[in-house]
C-alpha atoms as a PDB file:
ATOM      1  CA  MET A   1      23.988   7.104 -73.417  1.00  0.00           C
ATOM      2  CA  THR A   2      23.372  10.628 -74.674  1.00  0.00           C
ATOM      3  CA  TRP A   3      20.754   9.629 -77.259  1.00  0.00           C
ATOM      4  CA  LEU A   4      18.655   8.029 -74.519  1.00  0.00           C
ATOM      5  CA  TRP A   5      18.829  11.215 -72.458  1.00  0.00           C
ATOM      6  CA  TYR A   6      17.613  13.342 -75.363  1.00  0.00           C
ATOM      7  CA  SER A   7      14.959  10.749 -76.235  1.00  0.00           C
ATOM      8  CA  THR A   8      13.631  10.896 -72.682  1.00  0.00           C
ATOM      9  CA  ARG A   9      13.343  14.663 -72.808  1.00  0.00           C
ATOM     10  CA  ALA A  10      11.767  14.748 -76.278  1.00  0.00           C
ATOM     11  CA  SER A  11       9.267  11.955 -75.599  1.00  0.00           C
ATOM     12  CA  GLY A  12       8.317  13.497 -72.252  1.00  0.00           C
ATOM     13  CA  THR A  13       7.623  16.851 -73.899  1.00  0.00           C
ATOM     14  CA  LEU A  14       5.570  15.247 -76.673  1.00  0.00           C
ATOM     15  CA  ALA A  15       3.651  13.184 -74.108  1.00  0.00           C
ATOM     16  CA  LEU A  16       2.776  16.394 -72.220  1.00  0.00           C
ATOM     17  CA  VAL A  17       1.574  18.100 -75.423  1.00  0.00           C
ATOM     18  CA  LEU A  18      -0.548  15.096 -76.409  1.00  0.00           C
ATOM     19  CA  LEU A  19      -1.905  14.731 -72.880  1.00  0.00           C
ATOM     20  CA  THR A  20      -2.890  18.400 -73.054  1.00  0.00           C
ATOM     21  CA  LEU A  21      -4.797  17.810 -76.288  1.00  0.00           C
ATOM     22  CA  THR A  22      -6.402  14.673 -74.865  1.00  0.00           C
ATOM     23  CA  THR A  23      -7.524  16.549 -71.760  1.00  0.00           C
ATOM     24  CA  ALA A  24      -8.938  19.464 -73.756  1.00  0.00           C
ATOM     25  CA  LEU A  25     -10.788  17.138 -76.142  1.00  0.00           C
ATOM     26  CA  GLY A  26     -12.100  15.110 -73.221  1.00  0.00           C
ATOM     27  CA  VAL A  27     -13.482  18.262 -71.629  1.00  0.00           C
ATOM     28  CA  ALA A  28     -15.062  19.168 -74.972  1.00  0.00           C
ATOM     29  CA  GLN A  29     -16.763  15.778 -75.059  1.00  0.00           C
ATOM     30  CA  VAL A  30     -18.114  16.103 -71.528  1.00  0.00           C
ATOM     31  CA  SER A  31     -19.257  19.666 -72.247  1.00  0.00           C
ATOM     32  CA  ARG A  32     -21.091  18.460 -75.367  1.00  0.00           C
ATOM     33  CA  VAL A  33     -19.275  21.059 -77.432  1.00  0.00           C
ATOM     34  CA  ARG A  34     -20.700  21.059 -80.954  1.00  0.00           C
ATOM     35  CA  SER A  35     -19.656  22.691 -84.200  1.00  0.00           C
ATOM     36  CA  ALA A  36     -21.240  22.677 -87.629  1.00  0.00           C
ATOM     37  CA  SER A  37     -17.801  22.462 -89.251  1.00  0.00           C
ATOM     38  CA  VAL A  38     -16.433  19.767 -86.903  1.00  0.00           C
ATOM     39  CA  PRO A  39     -18.854  16.847 -86.356  1.00  0.00           C
ATOM     40  CA  ARG A  40     -18.905  15.186 -82.962  1.00  0.00           C
ATOM     41  CA  PHE A  41     -17.535  11.892 -84.293  1.00  0.00           C
ATOM     42  CA  VAL A  42     -14.428  13.787 -85.454  1.00  0.00           C
ATOM     43  CA  LEU A  43     -13.857  15.088 -81.906  1.00  0.00           C
ATOM     44  CA  ASP A  44     -14.388  11.578 -80.553  1.00  0.00           C
ATOM     45  CA  GLY A  45     -11.875  10.148 -83.024  1.00  0.00           C
ATOM     46  CA  LEU A  46      -9.309  12.858 -82.261  1.00  0.00           C
ATOM     47  CA  HIS A  47      -9.692  12.221 -78.556  1.00  0.00           C
ATOM     48  CA  ARG A  48      -9.177   8.490 -79.022  1.00  0.00           C
ATOM     49  CA  TYR A  49      -6.114   8.813 -81.255  1.00  0.00           C
ATOM     50  CA  THR A  50      -4.425  11.538 -79.213  1.00  0.00           C
ATOM     51  CA  SER A  51      -4.929   9.331 -76.155  1.00  0.00           C
ATOM     52  CA  LEU A  52      -3.223   6.429 -77.925  1.00  0.00           C
ATOM     53  CA  LEU A  53      -0.364   8.640 -79.105  1.00  0.00           C
ATOM     54  CA  ALA A  54       0.063  10.104 -75.625  1.00  0.00           C
ATOM     55  CA  GLY A  55       0.282   6.561 -74.252  1.00  0.00           C
ATOM     56  CA  ALA A  56       2.859   5.602 -76.877  1.00  0.00           C
ATOM     57  CA  PHE A  57       5.135   8.547 -76.164  1.00  0.00           C
ATOM     58  CA  LEU A  58       4.658   8.082 -72.419  1.00  0.00           C
ATOM     59  CA  THR A  59       5.802   4.465 -72.788  1.00  0.00           C
ATOM     60  CA  LEU A  60       8.851   5.627 -74.767  1.00  0.00           C
ATOM     61  CA  HIS A  61       9.542   8.272 -72.125  1.00  0.00           C
ATOM     62  CA  ILE A  62       9.551   5.667 -69.358  1.00  0.00           C
ATOM     63  CA  LEU A  63      11.632   3.118 -71.295  1.00  0.00           C
ATOM     64  CA  THR A  64      14.352   5.588 -72.244  1.00  0.00           C
ATOM     65  CA  ALA A  65      14.484   7.025 -68.714  1.00  0.00           C
ATOM     66  CA  VAL A  66      14.965   3.549 -67.252  1.00  0.00           C
ATOM     67  CA  LEU A  67      17.502   2.434 -69.883  1.00  0.00           C
ATOM     68  CA  ASP A  68      19.617   5.582 -69.588  1.00  0.00           C
ATOM     69  CA  THR A  69      22.365   4.859 -67.078  1.00  0.00           C
ATOM     70  CA  PHE A  70      22.946   8.522 -66.230  1.00  0.00           C
ATOM     71  CA  ALA A  71      20.099   8.825 -63.721  1.00  0.00           C
ATOM     72  CA  PRO A  72      19.386   5.954 -61.284  1.00  0.00           C
ATOM     73  CA  ILE A  73      15.776   5.345 -62.343  1.00  0.00           C
ATOM     74  CA  ARG A  74      14.443   1.809 -61.894  1.00  0.00           C
ATOM     75  CA  PRO A  75      11.358   0.281 -63.549  1.00  0.00           C
ATOM     76  CA  ILE A  76       9.578   0.289 -60.175  1.00  0.00           C
ATOM     77  CA  ASP A  77      10.107   4.053 -59.910  1.00  0.00           C
ATOM     78  CA  ALA A  78       7.748   4.537 -62.863  1.00  0.00           C
ATOM     79  CA  PHE A  79       4.851   2.880 -61.030  1.00  0.00           C
ATOM     80  CA  VAL A  80       5.455   3.269 -57.288  1.00  0.00           C
ATOM     81  CA  PRO A  81       5.466   6.942 -56.275  1.00  0.00           C
ATOM     82  CA  PHE A  82       8.200   8.598 -54.200  1.00  0.00           C
ATOM     83  CA  VAL A  83      10.629   5.639 -53.931  1.00  0.00           C
ATOM     84  CA  SER A  84      13.157   6.834 -56.505  1.00  0.00           C
ATOM     85  CA  ALA A  85      16.676   7.899 -55.558  1.00  0.00           C
ATOM     86  CA  TYR A  86      16.505  10.526 -58.301  1.00  0.00           C
ATOM     87  CA  ARG A  87      14.306  13.559 -57.576  1.00  0.00           C
ATOM     88  CA  PRO A  88      11.879  11.369 -55.589  1.00  0.00           C
ATOM     89  CA  LEU A  89       9.056  13.886 -55.129  1.00  0.00           C
ATOM     90  CA  TRP A  90       8.937  15.096 -58.716  1.00  0.00           C
ATOM     91  CA  LEU A  91       9.481  11.671 -60.267  1.00  0.00           C
ATOM     92  CA  GLY A  92       6.886  10.342 -57.833  1.00  0.00           C
ATOM     93  CA  LEU A  93       4.323  12.780 -59.203  1.00  0.00           C
ATOM     94  CA  GLY A  94       4.956  11.324 -62.645  1.00  0.00           C
ATOM     95  CA  ALA A  95       4.386   7.816 -61.267  1.00  0.00           C
ATOM     96  CA  THR A  96       1.160   9.008 -59.627  1.00  0.00           C
ATOM     97  CA  ALA A  97      -0.105  10.441 -62.926  1.00  0.00           C
ATOM     98  CA  LEU A  98       0.793   7.181 -64.679  1.00  0.00           C
ATOM     99  CA  ASP A  99      -1.048   5.093 -62.074  1.00  0.00           C
ATOM    100  CA  LEU A 100      -4.144   7.256 -62.484  1.00  0.00           C
ATOM    101  CA  LEU A 101      -3.969   6.890 -66.263  1.00  0.00           C
ATOM    102  CA  ILE A 102      -3.700   3.118 -65.942  1.00  0.00           C
ATOM    103  CA  ALA A 103      -6.686   3.037 -63.577  1.00  0.00           C
ATOM    104  CA  VAL A 104      -8.787   5.081 -66.007  1.00  0.00           C
ATOM    105  CA  ALA A 105      -7.722   2.952 -68.999  1.00  0.00           C
ATOM    106  CA  VAL A 106      -8.356  -0.377 -67.262  1.00  0.00           C
ATOM    107  CA  THR A 107     -11.771   0.629 -65.938  1.00  0.00           C
ATOM    108  CA  SER A 108     -12.709   1.889 -69.412  1.00  0.00           C
ATOM    109  CA  LEU A 109     -11.901  -1.544 -70.846  1.00  0.00           C
ATOM    110  CA  ILE A 110     -14.147  -3.258 -68.283  1.00  0.00           C
ATOM    111  CA  ARG A 111     -16.783  -0.538 -68.248  1.00  0.00           C
ATOM    112  CA  GLU A 112     -19.659  -2.908 -69.007  1.00  0.00           C
ATOM    113  CA  ARG A 113     -18.758  -5.183 -66.106  1.00  0.00           C
ATOM    114  CA  LEU A 114     -17.970  -2.343 -63.741  1.00  0.00           C
ATOM    115  CA  GLY A 115     -21.161  -0.445 -64.410  1.00  0.00           C
ATOM    116  CA  HIS A 116     -21.554   3.198 -65.365  1.00  0.00           C
ATOM    117  CA  ARG A 117     -21.561   4.490 -61.793  1.00  0.00           C
ATOM    118  CA  GLY A 118     -18.325   2.694 -60.857  1.00  0.00           C
ATOM    119  CA  TRP A 119     -16.634   3.640 -64.118  1.00  0.00           C
ATOM    120  CA  ARG A 120     -17.659   7.280 -63.724  1.00  0.00           C
ATOM    121  CA  ALA A 121     -16.327   7.395 -60.154  1.00  0.00           C
ATOM    122  CA  VAL A 122     -12.888   6.246 -61.325  1.00  0.00           C
ATOM    123  CA  HIS A 123     -12.982   8.348 -64.477  1.00  0.00           C
ATOM    124  CA  TRP A 124     -13.200  11.540 -62.413  1.00  0.00           C
ATOM    125  CA  PHE A 125      -9.547  10.900 -61.515  1.00  0.00           C
ATOM    126  CA  ALA A 126      -8.679  11.640 -65.143  1.00  0.00           C
ATOM    127  CA  TYR A 127      -9.043  15.325 -64.277  1.00  0.00           C
ATOM    128  CA  LEU A 128      -6.119  14.990 -61.840  1.00  0.00           C
ATOM    129  CA  VAL A 129      -3.730  13.493 -64.382  1.00  0.00           C
ATOM    130  CA  TRP A 130      -2.868  16.659 -66.295  1.00  0.00           C
ATOM    131  CA  PRO A 131      -2.151  19.001 -63.337  1.00  0.00           C
ATOM    132  CA  ILE A 132      -0.006  16.314 -61.663  1.00  0.00           C
ATOM    133  CA  ALA A 133       1.845  15.495 -64.898  1.00  0.00           C
ATOM    134  CA  PHE A 134       2.385  19.211 -65.579  1.00  0.00           C
ATOM    135  CA  VAL A 135       4.083  19.792 -62.217  1.00  0.00           C
ATOM    136  CA  HIS A 136       6.111  16.594 -62.759  1.00  0.00           C
ATOM    137  CA  ALA A 137       7.332  17.973 -66.095  1.00  0.00           C
ATOM    138  CA  LEU A 138       8.325  21.300 -64.524  1.00  0.00           C
ATOM    139  CA  GLY A 139       9.989  19.788 -61.463  1.00  0.00           C
ATOM    140  CA  THR A 140      11.802  16.877 -63.094  1.00  0.00           C
ATOM    141  CA  GLY A 141      12.407  18.177 -66.601  1.00  0.00           C
ATOM    142  CA  SER A 142      15.766  19.483 -67.746  1.00  0.00           C
ATOM    143  CA  ASP A 143      14.553  22.097 -70.207  1.00  0.00           C
ATOM    144  CA  ILE A 144      12.553  24.470 -68.025  1.00  0.00           C
ATOM    145  CA  HIS A 145      15.225  27.159 -68.506  1.00  0.00           C
ATOM    146  CA  GLU A 146      14.882  26.940 -72.294  1.00  0.00           C
ATOM    147  CA  ASN A 147      12.634  29.483 -74.012  1.00  0.00           C
ATOM    148  CA  TRP A 148      11.040  26.880 -76.277  1.00  0.00           C
ATOM    149  CA  MET A 149      10.039  24.780 -73.265  1.00  0.00           C
ATOM    150  CA  ASP A 150       8.565  27.827 -71.553  1.00  0.00           C
ATOM    151  CA  VAL A 151       6.452  28.497 -74.656  1.00  0.00           C
ATOM    152  CA  ILE A 152       5.246  24.874 -74.716  1.00  0.00           C
ATOM    153  CA  ALA A 153       4.429  24.897 -70.995  1.00  0.00           C
ATOM    154  CA  ILE A 154       2.530  28.188 -71.193  1.00  0.00           C
ATOM    155  CA  THR A 155       0.625  27.032 -74.294  1.00  0.00           C
ATOM    156  CA  CYS A 156      -0.330  23.723 -72.686  1.00  0.00           C
ATOM    157  CA  ALA A 157      -1.537  25.499 -69.553  1.00  0.00           C
ATOM    158  CA  ALA A 158      -3.541  27.996 -71.623  1.00  0.00           C
ATOM    159  CA  VAL A 159      -5.219  25.206 -73.643  1.00  0.00           C
ATOM    160  CA  VAL A 160      -6.273  23.261 -70.552  1.00  0.00           C
ATOM    161  CA  LEU A 161      -7.430  26.390 -68.721  1.00  0.00           C
ATOM    162  CA  GLY A 162      -9.420  27.457 -71.773  1.00  0.00           C
ATOM    163  CA  ALA A 163     -11.075  24.044 -71.971  1.00  0.00           C
ATOM    164  CA  GLY A 164     -11.827  24.227 -68.264  1.00  0.00           C
ATOM    165  CA  LEU A 165     -13.484  27.629 -68.646  1.00  0.00           C
ATOM    166  CA  VAL A 166     -15.665  26.242 -71.439  1.00  0.00           C
ATOM    167  CA  ARG A 167     -16.627  23.312 -69.235  1.00  0.00           C
ATOM    168  CA  LEU A 168     -17.594  25.651 -66.386  1.00  0.00           C
ATOM    169  CA  ALA A 169     -19.559  27.956 -68.676  1.00  0.00           C
ATOM    170  CA  VAL A 170     -21.601  25.363 -70.587  1.00  0.00           C
ATOM    171  CA  GLY A 171     -24.857  24.747 -68.742  1.00  0.00           C
ATOM    172  CA  TRP A 172     -24.420  27.589 -66.237  1.00  0.00           C
ATOM    173  CA  PRO A 173     -25.942  28.088 -63.678  1.00  0.00           C
ATOM    174  CA  ALA A 174     -26.768  24.397 -63.149  1.00  0.00           C
ATOM    175  CA  HIS A 175     -24.674  22.827 -60.352  1.00  0.00           C
ATOM    176  CA  ARG A 176     -23.359  26.287 -59.509  1.00  0.00           C
ATOM    177  CA  GLY A 177     -21.782  25.185 -56.230  1.00  0.00           C
ATOM    178  CA  ARG A 178     -19.698  22.449 -57.837  1.00  0.00           C
ATOM    179  CA  ARG A 179     -18.719  24.727 -60.700  1.00  0.00           C
ATOM    180  CA  LEU A 180     -17.564  27.483 -58.330  1.00  0.00           C
ATOM    181  CA  ALA A 181     -15.621  24.929 -56.268  1.00  0.00           C
ATOM    182  CA  ALA A 182     -13.911  23.666 -59.440  1.00  0.00           C
ATOM    183  CA  ALA A 183     -13.109  27.244 -60.485  1.00  0.00           C
ATOM    184  CA  GLY A 184     -11.654  27.965 -57.043  1.00  0.00           C
ATOM    185  CA  ALA A 185      -9.507  24.824 -57.138  1.00  0.00           C
ATOM    186  CA  THR A 186      -8.261  25.720 -60.617  1.00  0.00           C
ATOM    187  CA  LEU A 187      -7.322  29.271 -59.638  1.00  0.00           C
ATOM    188  CA  SER A 188      -5.597  27.982 -56.499  1.00  0.00           C
ATOM    189  CA  TYR A 189      -3.565  25.533 -58.593  1.00  0.00           C
ATOM    190  CA  VAL A 190      -2.514  28.259 -61.046  1.00  0.00           C
ATOM    191  CA  ALA A 191      -1.547  30.609 -58.210  1.00  0.00           C
ATOM    192  CA  ALA A 192       0.442  27.872 -56.441  1.00  0.00           C
ATOM    193  CA  VAL A 193       2.403  27.019 -59.603  1.00  0.00           C
ATOM    194  CA  LEU A 194       3.157  30.690 -60.332  1.00  0.00           C
ATOM    195  CA  ILE A 195       4.374  31.234 -56.769  1.00  0.00           C
ATOM    196  CA  TRP A 196       6.447  28.032 -56.776  1.00  0.00           C
ATOM    197  CA  LEU A 197       8.238  28.458 -60.125  1.00  0.00           C
ATOM    198  CA  PRO A 198      10.574  31.384 -59.238  1.00  0.00           C
ATOM    199  CA  SER A 199      11.859  29.640 -56.109  1.00  0.00           C
ATOM    200  CA  GLY A 200      11.617  26.179 -57.696  1.00  0.00           C
ATOM    201  CA  PRO A 201      12.667  25.038 -61.182  1.00  0.00           C
ATOM    202  CA  LEU A 202      13.516  28.563 -62.352  1.00  0.00           C
ATOM    203  CA  SER A 203      15.922  29.213 -59.462  1.00  0.00           C
ATOM    204  CA  ARG A 204      19.616  28.402 -59.227  1.00  0.00           C
ATOM    205  CA  GLY A 205      20.534  25.156 -57.530  1.00  0.00           C
ATOM    206  CA  TRP A 206      17.195  23.518 -58.279  1.00  0.00           C
ATOM    207  CA  ALA A 207      18.795  20.239 -59.414  1.00  0.00           C
ATOM    208  CA  ARG A 208      20.317  19.733 -55.958  1.00  0.00           C
ATOM    209  CA  ARG A 209      17.208  20.782 -54.045  1.00  0.00           C
ATOM    210  CA  ALA A 210      14.981  18.650 -56.277  1.00  0.00           C
ATOM    211  CA  GLY A 211      16.784  15.538 -55.069  1.00  0.00           C
ATOM    212  CA  THR A 212      19.426  14.886 -57.692  1.00  0.00           C
ATOM    213  CA  PRO A 213      22.139  12.580 -56.200  1.00  0.00           C
ATOM    214  CA  THR A 214      25.325  14.455 -55.337  1.00  0.00           C
ATOM    215  CA  ARG A 215      27.467  12.384 -57.692  1.00  0.00           C
ATOM    216  CA  LEU A 216      25.408  13.667 -60.625  1.00  0.00           C
ATOM    217  CA  LEU A 217      25.909  17.327 -59.736  1.00  0.00           C
ATOM    218  CA  ALA A 218      29.277  17.543 -61.472  1.00  0.00           C
ATOM    219  CA  PRO A 219      30.007  20.232 -64.082  1.00  0.00           C
ATOM    220  CA  THR A 220      29.006  17.715 -66.765  1.00  0.00           C
ATOM    221  CA  HIS A 221      25.537  17.318 -65.231  1.00  0.00           C
ATOM    222  CA  ARG A 222      22.999  17.112 -68.071  1.00  0.00           C
ATOM    223  CA  SER A 223      20.287  19.521 -66.926  1.00  0.00           C
END
């Protein structure tokens, strides 16, 4: 059904935007960013509510993708990476990001039983969620050729990169080695995405090369 297709695209885009805000606010919390005009409890509340909203739109994104009969996406494809018949690699990255989010959420709920050290070890995976989800959105999404989607993607990337720079700068030069390693990994990720885009989602024939089943590559293909 067409409305499900559009709902999947809209909810996925909103989930990415909210995940971007959640990531940036989370980095601000870790960096102990303070402002006289914005108390810390306000940042904490924003982080909590944007996380909940991101989860809500992510749930809607998954439900509409599964219910839409156009693409052969099963419920298991949302949780088990790289088993889908539809764009398996790129949909699998979305499943990976979801699994990491679930792991972080569950361990946060049982933080007292798990202990701070165990919770912190799992919580580090939260930093992988956004870059994986971002590539999933670019590789699987149907709107990458639209100008408005390009603006959203660039803005989201700029917000997360800006938050990352703040995180690296606060407290410098303590833990310089780890900070430089994080900066190197971030720059490598940005370079890899910029190199990949022209020959990937922005190129002709991407739907076929991304793993879209042949029967869906008709002139009426919704992408």
